[in-house]
Amino acid sequence: MENFAEPARALVAQMTEAAAAAPSRAVAFQGAPGANSHIAALEAFPDGLPLPCFDFADAIDAVRDGRADCAIIPIENSLHGRVADMHFLLPESGLVITGEHFLGIRYALMGQGPLSGVREAMSHPQALGQCRHWLRERGISPVAYPDTAGAAAVVAERGDPTLAALAPPGAAALYGLETLANDIADADHNTTRFVVLARAGHPAPWEVKGGDGAWMTTLIFEVKNVPAALYKAMGGFATNGVNMTKLESYQRGGSFAATEFYADVEGRPGEPGLDHALEELGFHSKWVRVLGTYRRARVRG
């Protein structure tokens, strides 16, 4: 709790105490009260008890340790791409994906005022990236911080009128700041996709709200180091009519020799088409690991 700025600590303590009294309803999220992840937790689990955690690793640990039943974690944004580190944290977490949630993102610039005097804006790197054009046009320099609402708490603590925070609008009232500009975004489609993580064999006891009942499966794999391995591995999805909605590569270990892939596909294991596609993928890969199967919250495309 000491990692949070002083203006946030009382709220964090209150929410942590409530979650500790009913861990089966606790939903861990990264950030201070008022962060986008807090909003996502409230939307996805109206009957849940949001548990603020300073970073992603803390939120994952809260689930693994039984202090929370699940965690809701941002994984990608429509403007700024994937959330850093999540592709590495997910496989190592020992948790499984049990749901997804999409949150429309809007930011406010908040501080001690006035807007004309602001020289720096503090926020999570994702938020700064999503609003980079707006900030550049006004000559405001970005300052990275682990959390949007946490940045608002820091701004309240420092009392420097040249420093403002980019955070969800509700954070201004939580931390006693003045809203200097509202509805900040570089594009109207600014949306973040969150995944719900739970312990293996112990999914969250309630359904994420929304969705159309269809299934999604998330997996990671590493193809064999032979020519056309990826092309051949992907062929099974095409021939079996399985729609792949996301495919992303990333390097692990710093060797630049082994590329791993993250993929989202429609369907779930047990369906003949997906089973055949996964079988073919396994033939052309060193290994394949399913991270979770869950209800689709939004139609792709």
C-alpha atoms as a PDB file:
ATOM      1  CA  MET A   1       0.000   0.000   0.000  1.00  0.00           C
ATOM      2  CA  GLU A   2       2.963   2.295   0.617  1.00  0.00           C
ATOM      3  CA  ASN A   3       3.639   2.333  -3.134  1.00  0.00           C
ATOM      4  CA  PHE A   4       0.486   4.375  -3.700  1.00  0.00           C
ATOM      5  CA  ALA A   5       0.658   8.144  -3.281  1.00  0.00           C
ATOM      6  CA  GLU A   6      -0.695   9.349   0.054  1.00  0.00           C
ATOM      7  CA  PRO A   7      -4.010  10.757  -1.310  1.00  0.00           C
ATOM      8  CA  ALA A   8      -4.923   7.257  -2.575  1.00  0.00           C
ATOM      9  CA  ARG A   9      -3.984   5.240   0.505  1.00  0.00           C
ATOM     10  CA  ALA A  10      -7.181   5.686   2.505  1.00  0.00           C
ATOM     11  CA  LEU A  11      -9.314   4.546  -0.452  1.00  0.00           C
ATOM     12  CA  VAL A  12      -6.964   1.626  -1.140  1.00  0.00           C
ATOM     13  CA  ALA A  13      -7.109   0.570   2.516  1.00  0.00           C
ATOM     14  CA  GLN A  14     -10.901   0.719   2.561  1.00  0.00           C
ATOM     15  CA  MET A  15     -11.259  -1.348  -0.607  1.00  0.00           C
ATOM     16  CA  THR A  16      -8.605  -3.845   0.506  1.00  0.00           C
ATOM     17  CA  GLU A  17     -10.393  -4.376   3.811  1.00  0.00           C
ATOM     18  CA  ALA A  18     -13.727  -4.988   2.057  1.00  0.00           C
ATOM     19  CA  ALA A  19     -12.117  -7.483  -0.348  1.00  0.00           C
ATOM     20  CA  ALA A  20     -10.358  -9.298   2.509  1.00  0.00           C
ATOM     21  CA  ALA A  21     -13.709  -9.831   4.226  1.00  0.00           C
ATOM     22  CA  ALA A  22     -15.155 -11.540   1.116  1.00  0.00           C
ATOM     23  CA  PRO A  23     -12.323 -12.813  -1.126  1.00  0.00           C
ATOM     24  CA  SER A  24     -14.747 -14.917  -3.186  1.00  0.00           C
ATOM     25  CA  ARG A  25     -16.171 -11.622  -4.522  1.00  0.00           C
ATOM     26  CA  ALA A  26     -12.849  -9.773  -4.865  1.00  0.00           C
ATOM     27  CA  VAL A  27     -11.698  -8.679  -8.327  1.00  0.00           C
ATOM     28  CA  ALA A  28      -8.053  -7.579  -8.440  1.00  0.00           C
ATOM     29  CA  PHE A  29      -7.060  -4.765 -10.791  1.00  0.00           C
ATOM     30  CA  GLN A  30      -3.894  -2.813 -11.446  1.00  0.00           C
ATOM     31  CA  GLY A  31      -3.932   0.799 -10.379  1.00  0.00           C
ATOM     32  CA  ALA A  32      -5.333   3.217  -7.846  1.00  0.00           C
ATOM     33  CA  PRO A  33      -9.065   3.731  -7.285  1.00  0.00           C
ATOM     34  CA  GLY A  34     -10.534   5.540 -10.276  1.00  0.00           C
ATOM     35  CA  ALA A  35      -8.291   3.879 -12.882  1.00  0.00           C
ATOM     36  CA  ASN A  36      -9.700   2.448 -16.098  1.00  0.00           C
ATOM     37  CA  SER A  37      -9.132  -1.045 -14.718  1.00  0.00           C
ATOM     38  CA  HIS A  38     -11.266  -0.101 -11.693  1.00  0.00           C
ATOM     39  CA  ILE A  39     -14.031   1.045 -14.039  1.00  0.00           C
ATOM     40  CA  ALA A  40     -13.722  -2.186 -16.030  1.00  0.00           C
ATOM     41  CA  ALA A  41     -14.000  -4.253 -12.835  1.00  0.00           C
ATOM     42  CA  LEU A  42     -17.183  -2.426 -11.824  1.00  0.00           C
ATOM     43  CA  GLU A  43     -18.714  -2.831 -15.286  1.00  0.00           C
ATOM     44  CA  ALA A  44     -17.803  -6.491 -15.726  1.00  0.00           C
ATOM     45  CA  PHE A  45     -18.635  -7.537 -12.154  1.00  0.00           C
ATOM     46  CA  PRO A  46     -21.290  -5.221 -10.652  1.00  0.00           C
ATOM     47  CA  ASP A  47     -21.513  -7.444  -7.560  1.00  0.00           C
ATOM     48  CA  GLY A  48     -17.753  -7.756  -7.146  1.00  0.00           C
ATOM     49  CA  LEU A  49     -15.415  -6.037  -4.710  1.00  0.00           C
ATOM     50  CA  PRO A  50     -12.608  -4.317  -6.661  1.00  0.00           C
ATOM     51  CA  LEU A  51      -9.171  -4.820  -5.084  1.00  0.00           C
ATOM     52  CA  PRO A  52      -6.568  -2.196  -6.118  1.00  0.00           C
ATOM     53  CA  CYS A  53      -3.023  -3.484  -6.737  1.00  0.00           C
ATOM     54  CA  PHE A  54      -0.014  -1.319  -7.545  1.00  0.00           C
ATOM     55  CA  ASP A  55       1.188  -3.300 -10.586  1.00  0.00           C
ATOM     56  CA  PHE A  56       0.166  -6.221 -12.787  1.00  0.00           C
ATOM     57  CA  ALA A  57       2.308  -8.718 -10.880  1.00  0.00           C
ATOM     58  CA  ASP A  58       0.587  -7.718  -7.610  1.00  0.00           C
ATOM     59  CA  ALA A  59      -2.850  -8.273  -9.179  1.00  0.00           C
ATOM     60  CA  ILE A  60      -1.826 -11.710 -10.432  1.00  0.00           C
ATOM     61  CA  ASP A  61      -0.360 -12.604  -7.025  1.00  0.00           C
ATOM     62  CA  ALA A  62      -3.622 -11.591  -5.332  1.00  0.00           C
ATOM     63  CA  VAL A  63      -5.445 -14.246  -7.368  1.00  0.00           C
ATOM     64  CA  ARG A  64      -2.776 -16.912  -6.922  1.00  0.00           C
ATOM     65  CA  ASP A  65      -2.726 -16.292  -3.159  1.00  0.00           C
ATOM     66  CA  GLY A  66      -6.520 -16.481  -2.854  1.00  0.00           C
ATOM     67  CA  ARG A  67      -6.959 -12.840  -1.824  1.00  0.00           C
ATOM     68  CA  ALA A  68      -9.054 -12.317  -4.967  1.00  0.00           C
ATOM     69  CA  ASP A  69     -11.197 -14.703  -6.958  1.00  0.00           C
ATOM     70  CA  CYS A  70     -10.121 -13.226 -10.279  1.00  0.00           C
ATOM     71  CA  ALA A  71      -8.283 -10.293 -11.820  1.00  0.00           C
ATOM     72  CA  ILE A  72      -9.240  -8.050 -14.728  1.00  0.00           C
ATOM     73  CA  ILE A  73      -6.187  -6.999 -16.726  1.00  0.00           C
ATOM     74  CA  PRO A  74      -5.827  -4.786 -19.846  1.00  0.00           C
ATOM     75  CA  ILE A  75      -4.198  -6.645 -22.715  1.00  0.00           C
ATOM     76  CA  GLU A  76      -4.545  -4.378 -25.770  1.00  0.00           C
ATOM     77  CA  ASN A  77      -5.775  -0.980 -26.885  1.00  0.00           C
ATOM     78  CA  SER A  78      -7.237   0.023 -30.242  1.00  0.00           C
ATOM     79  CA  LEU A  79      -4.907   3.043 -30.496  1.00  0.00           C
ATOM     80  CA  HIS A  80      -1.705   1.996 -28.765  1.00  0.00           C
ATOM     81  CA  GLY A  81      -1.545  -1.757 -29.314  1.00  0.00           C
ATOM     82  CA  ARG A  82      -0.712  -4.393 -26.736  1.00  0.00           C
ATOM     83  CA  VAL A  83      -0.097  -3.559 -23.109  1.00  0.00           C
ATOM     84  CA  ALA A  84       3.585  -4.007 -22.325  1.00  0.00           C
ATOM     85  CA  ASP A  85       4.663  -7.147 -20.433  1.00  0.00           C
ATOM     86  CA  MET A  86       1.271  -8.867 -20.520  1.00  0.00           C
ATOM     87  CA  HIS A  87       2.359 -11.417 -23.133  1.00  0.00           C
ATOM     88  CA  PHE A  88       5.141 -12.435 -20.755  1.00  0.00           C
ATOM     89  CA  LEU A  89       3.184 -12.233 -17.508  1.00  0.00           C
ATOM     90  CA  LEU A  90       0.200 -14.259 -18.743  1.00  0.00           C
ATOM     91  CA  PRO A  91       2.047 -17.512 -19.533  1.00  0.00           C
ATOM     92  CA  GLU A  92       4.084 -17.292 -16.334  1.00  0.00           C
ATOM     93  CA  SER A  93       1.144 -16.457 -14.088  1.00  0.00           C
ATOM     94  CA  GLY A  94      -0.259 -19.962 -13.799  1.00  0.00           C
ATOM     95  CA  LEU A  95      -3.720 -18.429 -14.255  1.00  0.00           C
ATOM     96  CA  VAL A  96      -6.219 -19.020 -17.051  1.00  0.00           C
ATOM     97  CA  ILE A  97      -8.319 -16.559 -19.054  1.00  0.00           C
ATOM     98  CA  THR A  98     -11.995 -16.962 -18.164  1.00  0.00           C
ATOM     99  CA  GLY A  99     -13.528 -13.879 -19.803  1.00  0.00           C
ATOM    100  CA  GLU A 100     -13.020 -10.616 -21.657  1.00  0.00           C
ATOM    101  CA  HIS A 101     -14.403  -7.100 -21.380  1.00  0.00           C
ATOM    102  CA  PHE A 102     -14.184  -4.056 -23.685  1.00  0.00           C
ATOM    103  CA  LEU A 103     -14.076  -0.551 -22.214  1.00  0.00           C
ATOM    104  CA  GLY A 104     -14.426   2.693 -24.162  1.00  0.00           C
ATOM    105  CA  ILE A 105     -11.630   5.028 -23.046  1.00  0.00           C
ATOM    106  CA  ARG A 106     -11.871   8.756 -22.416  1.00  0.00           C
ATOM    107  CA  TYR A 107      -9.428  10.850 -20.423  1.00  0.00           C
ATOM    108  CA  ALA A 108      -9.506  14.161 -18.634  1.00  0.00           C
ATOM    109  CA  LEU A 109      -6.533  16.378 -17.874  1.00  0.00           C
ATOM    110  CA  MET A 110      -6.663  17.244 -14.178  1.00  0.00           C
ATOM    111  CA  GLY A 111      -4.488  19.236 -11.853  1.00  0.00           C
ATOM    112  CA  GLN A 112      -4.198  22.352  -9.725  1.00  0.00           C
ATOM    113  CA  GLY A 113      -4.827  24.610 -12.758  1.00  0.00           C
ATOM    114  CA  PRO A 114      -4.854  26.541 -14.993  1.00  0.00           C
ATOM    115  CA  LEU A 115      -4.441  24.636 -18.286  1.00  0.00           C
ATOM    116  CA  SER A 116      -2.237  27.416 -19.720  1.00  0.00           C
ATOM    117  CA  GLY A 117       0.333  26.770 -17.013  1.00  0.00           C
ATOM    118  CA  VAL A 118       0.602  22.995 -17.438  1.00  0.00           C
ATOM    119  CA  ARG A 119       3.980  21.864 -18.749  1.00  0.00           C
ATOM    120  CA  GLU A 120       3.889  18.128 -17.987  1.00  0.00           C
ATOM    121  CA  ALA A 121       1.204  15.424 -17.957  1.00  0.00           C
ATOM    122  CA  MET A 122       1.716  12.306 -15.864  1.00  0.00           C
ATOM    123  CA  SER A 123      -0.025   9.013 -16.654  1.00  0.00           C
ATOM    124  CA  HIS A 124       0.396   5.377 -17.639  1.00  0.00           C
ATOM    125  CA  PRO A 125       2.449   5.003 -20.861  1.00  0.00           C
ATOM    126  CA  GLN A 126      -0.609   3.563 -22.618  1.00  0.00           C
ATOM    127  CA  ALA A 127      -2.683   6.650 -21.756  1.00  0.00           C
ATOM    128  CA  LEU A 128       0.109   8.989 -22.822  1.00  0.00           C
ATOM    129  CA  GLY A 129       0.383   7.129 -26.112  1.00  0.00           C
ATOM    130  CA  GLN A 130      -3.365   7.293 -26.684  1.00  0.00           C
ATOM    131  CA  CYS A 131      -3.317  11.084 -26.217  1.00  0.00           C
ATOM    132  CA  ARG A 132       0.111  11.911 -27.654  1.00  0.00           C
ATOM    133  CA  HIS A 133      -1.177  14.146 -30.474  1.00  0.00           C
ATOM    134  CA  TRP A 134      -3.369  16.165 -28.098  1.00  0.00           C
ATOM    135  CA  LEU A 135      -0.453  16.691 -25.724  1.00  0.00           C
ATOM    136  CA  ARG A 136       2.023  17.582 -28.477  1.00  0.00           C
ATOM    137  CA  GLU A 137      -0.312  20.194 -29.946  1.00  0.00           C
ATOM    138  CA  ARG A 138      -0.358  21.957 -26.567  1.00  0.00           C
ATOM    139  CA  GLY A 139       3.348  21.654 -25.807  1.00  0.00           C
ATOM    140  CA  ILE A 140       2.782  19.362 -22.823  1.00  0.00           C
ATOM    141  CA  SER A 141       5.517  16.814 -22.129  1.00  0.00           C
ATOM    142  CA  PRO A 142       4.517  13.264 -21.123  1.00  0.00           C
ATOM    143  CA  VAL A 143       5.716  11.795 -17.807  1.00  0.00           C
ATOM    144  CA  ALA A 144       5.300   8.039 -17.399  1.00  0.00           C
ATOM    145  CA  TYR A 145       3.769   6.559 -14.240  1.00  0.00           C
ATOM    146  CA  PRO A 146       2.495   2.995 -13.573  1.00  0.00           C
ATOM    147  CA  ASP A 147      -1.160   4.037 -13.345  1.00  0.00           C
ATOM    148  CA  THR A 148      -3.587   6.713 -14.575  1.00  0.00           C
ATOM    149  CA  ALA A 149      -5.515   7.341 -11.364  1.00  0.00           C
ATOM    150  CA  GLY A 150      -2.337   6.837  -9.354  1.00  0.00           C
ATOM    151  CA  ALA A 151      -0.841   9.705 -11.346  1.00  0.00           C
ATOM    152  CA  ALA A 152      -3.797  11.867 -10.268  1.00  0.00           C
ATOM    153  CA  ALA A 153      -3.004  11.012  -6.650  1.00  0.00           C
ATOM    154  CA  VAL A 154       0.644  12.006  -7.188  1.00  0.00           C
ATOM    155  CA  VAL A 155      -0.397  15.327  -8.753  1.00  0.00           C
ATOM    156  CA  ALA A 156      -2.662  16.001  -5.752  1.00  0.00           C
ATOM    157  CA  GLU A 157       0.197  15.159  -3.394  1.00  0.00           C
ATOM    158  CA  ARG A 158       2.777  17.379  -5.102  1.00  0.00           C
ATOM    159  CA  GLY A 159       0.567  20.442  -5.525  1.00  0.00           C
ATOM    160  CA  ASP A 160       2.559  21.673  -8.535  1.00  0.00           C
ATOM    161  CA  PRO A 161       0.329  23.651 -10.951  1.00  0.00           C
ATOM    162  CA  THR A 162       2.688  22.907 -13.870  1.00  0.00           C
ATOM    163  CA  LEU A 163       2.093  19.140 -13.456  1.00  0.00           C
ATOM    164  CA  ALA A 164      -1.245  17.574 -14.430  1.00  0.00           C
ATOM    165  CA  ALA A 165      -2.519  14.015 -14.748  1.00  0.00           C
ATOM    166  CA  LEU A 166      -4.223  12.191 -17.598  1.00  0.00           C
ATOM    167  CA  ALA A 167      -6.820   9.977 -15.956  1.00  0.00           C
ATOM    168  CA  PRO A 168     -10.469   8.888 -16.189  1.00  0.00           C
ATOM    169  CA  PRO A 169     -12.721  11.893 -15.409  1.00  0.00           C
ATOM    170  CA  GLY A 170     -13.952  10.493 -12.085  1.00  0.00           C
ATOM    171  CA  ALA A 171     -10.431  10.528 -10.625  1.00  0.00           C
ATOM    172  CA  ALA A 172     -10.522  14.321 -10.322  1.00  0.00           C
ATOM    173  CA  ALA A 173     -13.241  14.221  -7.660  1.00  0.00           C
ATOM    174  CA  LEU A 174     -11.569  11.300  -5.839  1.00  0.00           C
ATOM    175  CA  TYR A 175      -8.327  13.237  -5.391  1.00  0.00           C
ATOM    176  CA  GLY A 176      -9.595  16.812  -5.155  1.00  0.00           C
ATOM    177  CA  LEU A 177      -8.261  18.004  -8.491  1.00  0.00           C
ATOM    178  CA  GLU A 178      -9.674  20.491 -10.979  1.00  0.00           C
ATOM    179  CA  THR A 179     -10.680  19.201 -14.433  1.00  0.00           C
ATOM    180  CA  LEU A 180      -8.656  21.265 -16.912  1.00  0.00           C
ATOM    181  CA  ALA A 181      -9.789  19.549 -20.131  1.00  0.00           C
ATOM    182  CA  ASN A 182     -12.249  16.741 -20.787  1.00  0.00           C
ATOM    183  CA  ASP A 183     -12.924  14.045 -23.383  1.00  0.00           C
ATOM    184  CA  ILE A 184      -9.310  13.790 -24.481  1.00  0.00           C
ATOM    185  CA  ALA A 185      -8.539  11.146 -27.089  1.00  0.00           C
ATOM    186  CA  ASP A 186      -6.720  10.968 -30.389  1.00  0.00           C
ATOM    187  CA  ALA A 187      -9.564   8.894 -31.900  1.00  0.00           C
ATOM    188  CA  ASP A 188     -13.199   8.202 -31.079  1.00  0.00           C
ATOM    189  CA  HIS A 189     -12.695   4.433 -31.273  1.00  0.00           C
ATOM    190  CA  ASN A 190     -10.273   4.412 -28.314  1.00  0.00           C
ATOM    191  CA  THR A 191     -11.112   1.101 -26.620  1.00  0.00           C
ATOM    192  CA  THR A 192      -9.206  -1.225 -24.314  1.00  0.00           C
ATOM    193  CA  ARG A 193      -9.730  -4.971 -24.191  1.00  0.00           C
ATOM    194  CA  PHE A 194      -9.421  -6.578 -20.771  1.00  0.00           C
ATOM    195  CA  VAL A 195      -9.110 -10.268 -19.923  1.00  0.00           C
ATOM    196  CA  VAL A 196     -10.334 -11.919 -16.741  1.00  0.00           C
ATOM    197  CA  LEU A 197      -7.819 -14.240 -15.044  1.00  0.00           C
ATOM    198  CA  ALA A 198      -8.625 -16.928 -12.477  1.00  0.00           C
ATOM    199  CA  ARG A 199      -6.872 -19.906 -10.921  1.00  0.00           C
ATOM    200  CA  ALA A 200      -6.812 -23.046 -13.060  1.00  0.00           C
ATOM    201  CA  GLY A 201      -9.814 -25.203 -12.235  1.00  0.00           C
ATOM    202  CA  HIS A 202     -11.428 -22.348 -10.321  1.00  0.00           C
ATOM    203  CA  PRO A 203     -13.035 -19.911 -12.753  1.00  0.00           C
ATOM    204  CA  ALA A 204     -14.783 -16.780 -11.574  1.00  0.00           C
ATOM    205  CA  PRO A 205     -18.192 -17.719 -10.074  1.00  0.00           C
ATOM    206  CA  TRP A 206     -20.098 -15.238 -12.209  1.00  0.00           C
ATOM    207  CA  GLU A 207     -20.303 -14.508 -15.915  1.00  0.00           C
ATOM    208  CA  VAL A 208     -18.827 -11.372 -17.425  1.00  0.00           C
ATOM    209  CA  LYS A 209     -21.732  -9.176 -18.500  1.00  0.00           C
ATOM    210  CA  GLY A 210     -22.522  -8.829 -22.206  1.00  0.00           C
ATOM    211  CA  GLY A 211     -21.433 -10.946 -25.144  1.00  0.00           C
ATOM    212  CA  ASP A 212     -23.294 -13.085 -27.641  1.00  0.00           C
ATOM    213  CA  GLY A 213     -22.688 -16.556 -26.218  1.00  0.00           C
ATOM    214  CA  ALA A 214     -19.979 -17.520 -28.730  1.00  0.00           C
ATOM    215  CA  TRP A 215     -16.608 -18.841 -27.547  1.00  0.00           C
ATOM    216  CA  MET A 216     -13.041 -17.575 -27.906  1.00  0.00           C
ATOM    217  CA  THR A 217      -9.795 -19.420 -27.230  1.00  0.00           C
ATOM    218  CA  THR A 218      -6.425 -17.766 -26.535  1.00  0.00           C
ATOM    219  CA  LEU A 219      -3.201 -19.681 -27.100  1.00  0.00           C
ATOM    220  CA  ILE A 220       0.543 -19.219 -27.423  1.00  0.00           C
ATOM    221  CA  PHE A 221       2.949 -21.335 -29.465  1.00  0.00           C
ATOM    222  CA  GLU A 222       6.426 -21.517 -30.963  1.00  0.00           C
ATOM    223  CA  VAL A 223       6.813 -22.922 -34.463  1.00  0.00           C
ATOM    224  CA  LYS A 224       9.702 -25.149 -35.489  1.00  0.00           C
ATOM    225  CA  ASN A 225      12.719 -23.390 -36.981  1.00  0.00           C
ATOM    226  CA  VAL A 226      12.194 -24.634 -40.534  1.00  0.00           C
ATOM    227  CA  PRO A 227      11.153 -22.830 -43.747  1.00  0.00           C
ATOM    228  CA  ALA A 228       7.435 -21.999 -44.048  1.00  0.00           C
ATOM    229  CA  ALA A 229       6.687 -23.402 -40.571  1.00  0.00           C
ATOM    230  CA  LEU A 230       4.303 -20.575 -39.685  1.00  0.00           C
ATOM    231  CA  TYR A 231       2.546 -20.792 -43.045  1.00  0.00           C
ATOM    232  CA  LYS A 232       2.018 -24.531 -42.595  1.00  0.00           C
ATOM    233  CA  ALA A 233       0.942 -24.122 -38.958  1.00  0.00           C
ATOM    234  CA  MET A 234      -1.711 -21.582 -39.932  1.00  0.00           C
ATOM    235  CA  GLY A 235      -3.066 -23.748 -42.726  1.00  0.00           C
ATOM    236  CA  GLY A 236      -5.036 -25.919 -40.325  1.00  0.00           C
ATOM    237  CA  PHE A 237      -7.153 -22.971 -39.209  1.00  0.00           C
ATOM    238  CA  ALA A 238      -8.019 -22.045 -42.807  1.00  0.00           C
ATOM    239  CA  THR A 239      -8.856 -25.580 -43.971  1.00  0.00           C
ATOM    240  CA  ASN A 240     -10.986 -26.249 -40.891  1.00  0.00           C
ATOM    241  CA  GLY A 241     -12.930 -22.965 -41.093  1.00  0.00           C
ATOM    242  CA  VAL A 242     -11.597 -21.526 -37.813  1.00  0.00           C
ATOM    243  CA  ASN A 243     -11.462 -17.720 -37.702  1.00  0.00           C
ATOM    244  CA  MET A 244      -8.269 -16.332 -36.175  1.00  0.00           C
ATOM    245  CA  THR A 245      -8.983 -12.819 -34.904  1.00  0.00           C
ATOM    246  CA  LYS A 246      -5.492 -11.994 -33.645  1.00  0.00           C
ATOM    247  CA  LEU A 247      -1.953 -13.214 -34.313  1.00  0.00           C
ATOM    248  CA  GLU A 248       1.011 -11.433 -32.784  1.00  0.00           C
ATOM    249  CA  SER A 249       4.683 -12.346 -32.521  1.00  0.00           C
ATOM    250  CA  TYR A 250       7.111 -11.509 -29.755  1.00  0.00           C
ATOM    251  CA  GLN A 251      10.668 -12.382 -28.753  1.00  0.00           C
ATOM    252  CA  ARG A 252      11.600 -14.079 -25.498  1.00  0.00           C
ATOM    253  CA  GLY A 253      15.047 -14.425 -23.941  1.00  0.00           C
ATOM    254  CA  GLY A 254      16.842 -11.809 -26.033  1.00  0.00           C
ATOM    255  CA  SER A 255      18.320 -14.313 -28.488  1.00  0.00           C
ATOM    256  CA  PHE A 256      16.296 -13.125 -31.521  1.00  0.00           C
ATOM    257  CA  ALA A 257      16.281 -16.798 -32.539  1.00  0.00           C
ATOM    258  CA  ALA A 258      12.994 -18.042 -31.069  1.00  0.00           C
ATOM    259  CA  THR A 259       9.808 -16.215 -31.969  1.00  0.00           C
ATOM    260  CA  GLU A 260       6.689 -17.019 -29.989  1.00  0.00           C
ATOM    261  CA  PHE A 261       3.170 -16.214 -31.120  1.00  0.00           C
ATOM    262  CA  TYR A 262       0.026 -15.129 -29.302  1.00  0.00           C
ATOM    263  CA  ALA A 263      -3.295 -15.910 -31.009  1.00  0.00           C
ATOM    264  CA  ASP A 264      -7.032 -15.494 -30.422  1.00  0.00           C
ATOM    265  CA  VAL A 265      -9.336 -17.832 -32.352  1.00  0.00           C
ATOM    266  CA  GLU A 266     -13.080 -18.296 -32.413  1.00  0.00           C
ATOM    267  CA  GLY A 267     -14.392 -21.534 -30.915  1.00  0.00           C
ATOM    268  CA  ARG A 268     -13.320 -23.837 -28.112  1.00  0.00           C
ATOM    269  CA  PRO A 269     -11.566 -27.197 -27.735  1.00  0.00           C
ATOM    270  CA  GLY A 270     -13.996 -30.042 -28.281  1.00  0.00           C
ATOM    271  CA  GLU A 271     -15.311 -28.543 -31.492  1.00  0.00           C
ATOM    272  CA  PRO A 272     -14.044 -30.719 -34.394  1.00  0.00           C
ATOM    273  CA  GLY A 273     -12.800 -27.814 -36.512  1.00  0.00           C
ATOM    274  CA  LEU A 274     -10.730 -26.252 -33.739  1.00  0.00           C
ATOM    275  CA  ASP A 275      -9.462 -29.632 -32.533  1.00  0.00           C
ATOM    276  CA  HIS A 276      -8.185 -30.479 -36.025  1.00  0.00           C
ATOM    277  CA  ALA A 277      -6.610 -27.015 -36.367  1.00  0.00           C
ATOM    278  CA  LEU A 278      -4.833 -27.342 -33.016  1.00  0.00           C
ATOM    279  CA  GLU A 279      -3.612 -30.804 -33.951  1.00  0.00           C
ATOM    280  CA  GLU A 280      -2.051 -29.469 -37.139  1.00  0.00           C
ATOM    281  CA  LEU A 281      -0.618 -26.482 -35.268  1.00  0.00           C
ATOM    282  CA  GLY A 282       1.003 -28.864 -32.790  1.00  0.00           C
ATOM    283  CA  PHE A 283       2.594 -30.880 -35.608  1.00  0.00           C
ATOM    284  CA  HIS A 284       4.399 -27.786 -36.941  1.00  0.00           C
ATOM    285  CA  SER A 285       5.213 -26.260 -33.530  1.00  0.00           C
ATOM    286  CA  LYS A 286       7.726 -26.982 -30.779  1.00  0.00           C
ATOM    287  CA  TRP A 287       4.924 -26.497 -28.261  1.00  0.00           C
ATOM    288  CA  VAL A 288       1.376 -25.120 -28.002  1.00  0.00           C
ATOM    289  CA  ARG A 289      -0.303 -23.852 -24.825  1.00  0.00           C
ATOM    290  CA  VAL A 290      -3.937 -22.830 -24.444  1.00  0.00           C
ATOM    291  CA  LEU A 291      -4.228 -19.877 -22.040  1.00  0.00           C
ATOM    292  CA  GLY A 292      -8.008 -19.996 -21.757  1.00  0.00           C
ATOM    293  CA  THR A 293     -11.399 -20.530 -23.352  1.00  0.00           C
ATOM    294  CA  TYR A 294     -14.132 -18.019 -22.568  1.00  0.00           C
ATOM    295  CA  ARG A 295     -17.308 -16.357 -23.796  1.00  0.00           C
ATOM    296  CA  ARG A 296     -16.823 -13.734 -26.504  1.00  0.00           C
ATOM    297  CA  ALA A 297     -17.748 -10.232 -25.333  1.00  0.00           C
ATOM    298  CA  ARG A 298     -17.744  -8.603 -28.763  1.00  0.00           C
ATOM    299  CA  VAL A 299     -18.008  -9.748 -32.378  1.00  0.00           C
ATOM    300  CA  ARG A 300     -14.735  -9.143 -34.240  1.00  0.00           C
ATOM    301  CA  GLY A 301     -14.679  -7.489 -37.615  1.00  0.00           C
END
